[in-house]
Amino acid sequence: MAYDFPSKEWIEAYKNALNGEPGKAWQKAAETWEGDFLFVIESDATFKETIQFYINLWHGECREAKMITDSNSIPDAEIQYVGKYSNWQKLIKGEIDPIRGIMMRKFKLVGNKAKVMRSITAAKELVATAQKIDTNFV
């Protein structure tokens, strides 16, 4: 089953993938990770609204994953990964590497950059797991 990106169903499928068989490599790489992310999908010419996903990650487990629908209830996440919808599309299709995307200014990393850079394998596996989801880009 394909999940529309971005949607509540997609972020739930992502949580299930991270905690299941598709996320085994991420689980191992993130054994010592403690922290949360806010993924910000900014509007662009192909997608006209900004969407935010919050994920809480703890020692190789995704404890929470949700789409933020109320701008007044945005969690204060330790790290934000911000990019235009078209760049998120390329990231999930495997056309942009998550770290190279920052260096190429396709994405912004806001927050504890050093923490992410110490955990590059976990960050890449986080994206690799998203790439395993059957995704329909809206």
C-alpha atoms as a PDB file:
ATOM      1  CA  MET A   1       0.000   0.000   0.000  1.00  0.00           C
ATOM      2  CA  ALA A   2       1.350   3.407  -0.972  1.00  0.00           C
ATOM      3  CA  TYR A   3       1.140   6.254   1.535  1.00  0.00           C
ATOM      4  CA  ASP A   4       0.695   9.874   0.491  1.00  0.00           C
ATOM      5  CA  PHE A   5       3.568  12.136   1.493  1.00  0.00           C
ATOM      6  CA  PRO A   6       3.105  14.130   3.586  1.00  0.00           C
ATOM      7  CA  SER A   7       0.237  12.679   5.624  1.00  0.00           C
ATOM      8  CA  LYS A   8      -0.634  11.271   9.044  1.00  0.00           C
ATOM      9  CA  GLU A   9      -0.700   7.822   7.465  1.00  0.00           C
ATOM     10  CA  TRP A  10       2.814   8.252   6.054  1.00  0.00           C
ATOM     11  CA  ILE A  11       4.327   9.304   9.392  1.00  0.00           C
ATOM     12  CA  GLU A  12       2.613   6.356  11.112  1.00  0.00           C
ATOM     13  CA  ALA A  13       4.031   4.006   8.457  1.00  0.00           C
ATOM     14  CA  TYR A  14       7.450   5.592   9.075  1.00  0.00           C
ATOM     15  CA  LYS A  15       7.190   4.921  12.810  1.00  0.00           C
ATOM     16  CA  ASN A  16       6.228   1.305  12.109  1.00  0.00           C
ATOM     17  CA  ALA A  17       9.135   0.936   9.674  1.00  0.00           C
ATOM     18  CA  LEU A  18      11.635   2.394  12.161  1.00  0.00           C
ATOM     19  CA  ASN A  19      10.456   0.009  14.880  1.00  0.00           C
ATOM     20  CA  GLY A  20      10.119  -3.011  12.592  1.00  0.00           C
ATOM     21  CA  GLU A  21      12.209  -5.074  10.198  1.00  0.00           C
ATOM     22  CA  PRO A  22      12.798  -2.233   7.680  1.00  0.00           C
ATOM     23  CA  GLY A  23      14.430  -0.202  10.461  1.00  0.00           C
ATOM     24  CA  LYS A  24      16.872  -2.841  11.775  1.00  0.00           C
ATOM     25  CA  ALA A  25      19.976  -1.025  10.471  1.00  0.00           C
ATOM     26  CA  TRP A  26      18.736   2.261  11.953  1.00  0.00           C
ATOM     27  CA  GLN A  27      17.940   0.583  15.288  1.00  0.00           C
ATOM     28  CA  LYS A  28      21.504  -0.706  15.539  1.00  0.00           C
ATOM     29  CA  ALA A  29      23.085   2.593  14.448  1.00  0.00           C
ATOM     30  CA  ALA A  30      20.893   4.558  16.884  1.00  0.00           C
ATOM     31  CA  GLU A  31      21.438   2.406  19.991  1.00  0.00           C
ATOM     32  CA  THR A  32      22.842   5.371  21.924  1.00  0.00           C
ATOM     33  CA  TRP A  33      20.746   8.128  20.326  1.00  0.00           C
ATOM     34  CA  GLU A  34      18.565  10.187  22.652  1.00  0.00           C
ATOM     35  CA  GLY A  35      16.594  13.025  21.129  1.00  0.00           C
ATOM     36  CA  ASP A  36      13.849  14.249  18.900  1.00  0.00           C
ATOM     37  CA  PHE A  37      13.481  15.797  15.472  1.00  0.00           C
ATOM     38  CA  LEU A  38      11.082  18.170  13.847  1.00  0.00           C
ATOM     39  CA  PHE A  39      10.993  17.548  10.104  1.00  0.00           C
ATOM     40  CA  VAL A  40       9.759  20.701   8.364  1.00  0.00           C
ATOM     41  CA  ILE A  41       8.480  20.272   4.809  1.00  0.00           C
ATOM     42  CA  GLU A  42       8.285  23.782   3.380  1.00  0.00           C
ATOM     43  CA  SER A  43       5.937  24.803   0.599  1.00  0.00           C
ATOM     44  CA  ASP A  44       7.279  25.308  -2.904  1.00  0.00           C
ATOM     45  CA  ALA A  45       5.989  25.451  -6.474  1.00  0.00           C
ATOM     46  CA  THR A  46       4.732  21.842  -6.321  1.00  0.00           C
ATOM     47  CA  PHE A  47       3.276  21.785  -2.784  1.00  0.00           C
ATOM     48  CA  LYS A  48       1.480  24.806  -1.365  1.00  0.00           C
ATOM     49  CA  GLU A  49       1.597  24.306   2.407  1.00  0.00           C
ATOM     50  CA  THR A  50       4.179  23.776   5.118  1.00  0.00           C
ATOM     51  CA  ILE A  51       3.895  20.482   7.012  1.00  0.00           C
ATOM     52  CA  GLN A  52       5.756  19.401  10.128  1.00  0.00           C
ATOM     53  CA  PHE A  53       6.471  15.919  11.434  1.00  0.00           C
ATOM     54  CA  TYR A  54       7.687  15.308  14.974  1.00  0.00           C
ATOM     55  CA  ILE A  55       9.597  12.146  15.872  1.00  0.00           C
ATOM     56  CA  ASN A  56      10.885  11.137  19.300  1.00  0.00           C
ATOM     57  CA  LEU A  57      13.790   8.700  19.092  1.00  0.00           C
ATOM     58  CA  TRP A  58      15.341   6.868  22.039  1.00  0.00           C
ATOM     59  CA  HIS A  59      18.014   4.159  21.895  1.00  0.00           C
ATOM     60  CA  GLY A  60      16.925   2.712  18.558  1.00  0.00           C
ATOM     61  CA  GLU A  61      13.203   3.052  19.151  1.00  0.00           C
ATOM     62  CA  CYS A  62      10.786   5.559  17.671  1.00  0.00           C
ATOM     63  CA  ARG A  63       8.656   6.349  20.706  1.00  0.00           C
ATOM     64  CA  GLU A  64       6.415   8.861  18.967  1.00  0.00           C
ATOM     65  CA  ALA A  65       5.807  10.074  15.427  1.00  0.00           C
ATOM     66  CA  LYS A  66       3.108  12.518  14.472  1.00  0.00           C
ATOM     67  CA  MET A  67       2.088  15.136  11.989  1.00  0.00           C
ATOM     68  CA  ILE A  68       1.693  18.554  13.581  1.00  0.00           C
ATOM     69  CA  THR A  69      -1.688  19.985  12.641  1.00  0.00           C
ATOM     70  CA  ASP A  70      -1.879  22.885  15.108  1.00  0.00           C
ATOM     71  CA  SER A  71       0.835  25.531  14.855  1.00  0.00           C
ATOM     72  CA  ASN A  72       0.268  26.303  18.543  1.00  0.00           C
ATOM     73  CA  SER A  73       1.280  22.776  19.563  1.00  0.00           C
ATOM     74  CA  ILE A  74       4.661  22.449  17.844  1.00  0.00           C
ATOM     75  CA  PRO A  75       6.977  20.509  20.168  1.00  0.00           C
ATOM     76  CA  ASP A  76      10.274  22.118  21.121  1.00  0.00           C
ATOM     77  CA  ALA A  77      12.426  19.551  19.306  1.00  0.00           C
ATOM     78  CA  GLU A  78      16.170  19.364  19.869  1.00  0.00           C
ATOM     79  CA  ILE A  79      16.871  19.241  16.133  1.00  0.00           C
ATOM     80  CA  GLN A  80      15.010  20.522  13.085  1.00  0.00           C
ATOM     81  CA  TYR A  81      15.630  19.296   9.546  1.00  0.00           C
ATOM     82  CA  VAL A  82      14.077  21.839   7.181  1.00  0.00           C
ATOM     83  CA  GLY A  83      13.672  21.767   3.406  1.00  0.00           C
ATOM     84  CA  LYS A  84      11.358  22.457   0.494  1.00  0.00           C
ATOM     85  CA  TYR A  85       8.837  19.788  -0.489  1.00  0.00           C
ATOM     86  CA  SER A  86      10.644  19.057  -3.771  1.00  0.00           C
ATOM     87  CA  ASN A  87      13.881  18.395  -1.858  1.00  0.00           C
ATOM     88  CA  TRP A  88      12.100  16.093   0.596  1.00  0.00           C
ATOM     89  CA  GLN A  89      10.759  14.239  -2.429  1.00  0.00           C
ATOM     90  CA  LYS A  90      14.315  13.791  -3.758  1.00  0.00           C
ATOM     91  CA  LEU A  91      15.560  12.752  -0.309  1.00  0.00           C
ATOM     92  CA  ILE A  92      12.946  10.014   0.044  1.00  0.00           C
ATOM     93  CA  LYS A  93      13.576   8.840  -3.521  1.00  0.00           C
ATOM     94  CA  GLY A  94      17.299   8.532  -2.705  1.00  0.00           C
ATOM     95  CA  GLU A  95      18.365  11.313  -5.067  1.00  0.00           C
ATOM     96  CA  ILE A  96      19.811  13.488  -2.260  1.00  0.00           C
ATOM     97  CA  ASP A  97      21.976  12.251   0.611  1.00  0.00           C
ATOM     98  CA  PRO A  98      20.787  13.737   3.949  1.00  0.00           C
ATOM     99  CA  ILE A  99      24.208  15.131   4.927  1.00  0.00           C
ATOM    100  CA  ARG A 100      25.150  16.265   1.432  1.00  0.00           C
ATOM    101  CA  GLY A 101      21.737  17.933   1.255  1.00  0.00           C
ATOM    102  CA  ILE A 102      22.756  20.175   4.154  1.00  0.00           C
ATOM    103  CA  MET A 103      26.088  20.990   2.545  1.00  0.00           C
ATOM    104  CA  MET A 104      24.354  21.794  -0.762  1.00  0.00           C
ATOM    105  CA  ARG A 105      21.888  24.058   1.114  1.00  0.00           C
ATOM    106  CA  LYS A 106      18.922  21.953   0.066  1.00  0.00           C
ATOM    107  CA  PHE A 107      18.176  21.411   3.774  1.00  0.00           C
ATOM    108  CA  LYS A 108      18.860  23.345   6.957  1.00  0.00           C
ATOM    109  CA  LEU A 109      19.859  21.622  10.169  1.00  0.00           C
ATOM    110  CA  VAL A 110      18.736  23.683  13.158  1.00  0.00           C
ATOM    111  CA  GLY A 111      19.783  22.757  16.681  1.00  0.00           C
ATOM    112  CA  ASN A 112      22.527  20.469  17.942  1.00  0.00           C
ATOM    113  CA  LYS A 113      24.482  19.988  14.704  1.00  0.00           C
ATOM    114  CA  ALA A 114      27.454  18.388  16.478  1.00  0.00           C
ATOM    115  CA  LYS A 115      25.202  15.656  17.869  1.00  0.00           C
ATOM    116  CA  VAL A 116      23.951  14.791  14.392  1.00  0.00           C
ATOM    117  CA  MET A 117      27.459  14.850  12.911  1.00  0.00           C
ATOM    118  CA  ARG A 118      28.617  12.391  15.592  1.00  0.00           C
ATOM    119  CA  SER A 119      25.790  10.088  14.506  1.00  0.00           C
ATOM    120  CA  ILE A 120      26.000  10.277  10.717  1.00  0.00           C
ATOM    121  CA  THR A 121      25.355   6.551  10.254  1.00  0.00           C
ATOM    122  CA  ALA A 122      22.173   6.758  12.331  1.00  0.00           C
ATOM    123  CA  ALA A 123      21.063   9.865  10.407  1.00  0.00           C
ATOM    124  CA  LYS A 124      21.615   8.156   7.064  1.00  0.00           C
ATOM    125  CA  GLU A 125      19.792   5.010   8.229  1.00  0.00           C
ATOM    126  CA  LEU A 126      16.909   7.181   9.426  1.00  0.00           C
ATOM    127  CA  VAL A 127      16.528   8.386   5.837  1.00  0.00           C
ATOM    128  CA  ALA A 128      17.198   4.926   4.359  1.00  0.00           C
ATOM    129  CA  THR A 129      14.265   3.601   6.379  1.00  0.00           C
ATOM    130  CA  ALA A 130      12.001   6.339   4.967  1.00  0.00           C
ATOM    131  CA  GLN A 131      13.080   5.254   1.488  1.00  0.00           C
ATOM    132  CA  LYS A 132      11.658   1.770   2.163  1.00  0.00           C
ATOM    133  CA  ILE A 133       8.121   3.105   2.557  1.00  0.00           C
ATOM    134  CA  ASP A 134       5.917   2.797  -0.518  1.00  0.00           C
ATOM    135  CA  THR A 135       5.374   6.529  -1.004  1.00  0.00           C
ATOM    136  CA  ASN A 136       3.024   8.451  -3.260  1.00  0.00           C
ATOM    137  CA  PHE A 137       4.054  12.100  -3.627  1.00  0.00           C
ATOM    138  CA  VAL A 138       1.009  14.365  -3.697  1.00  0.00           C
END
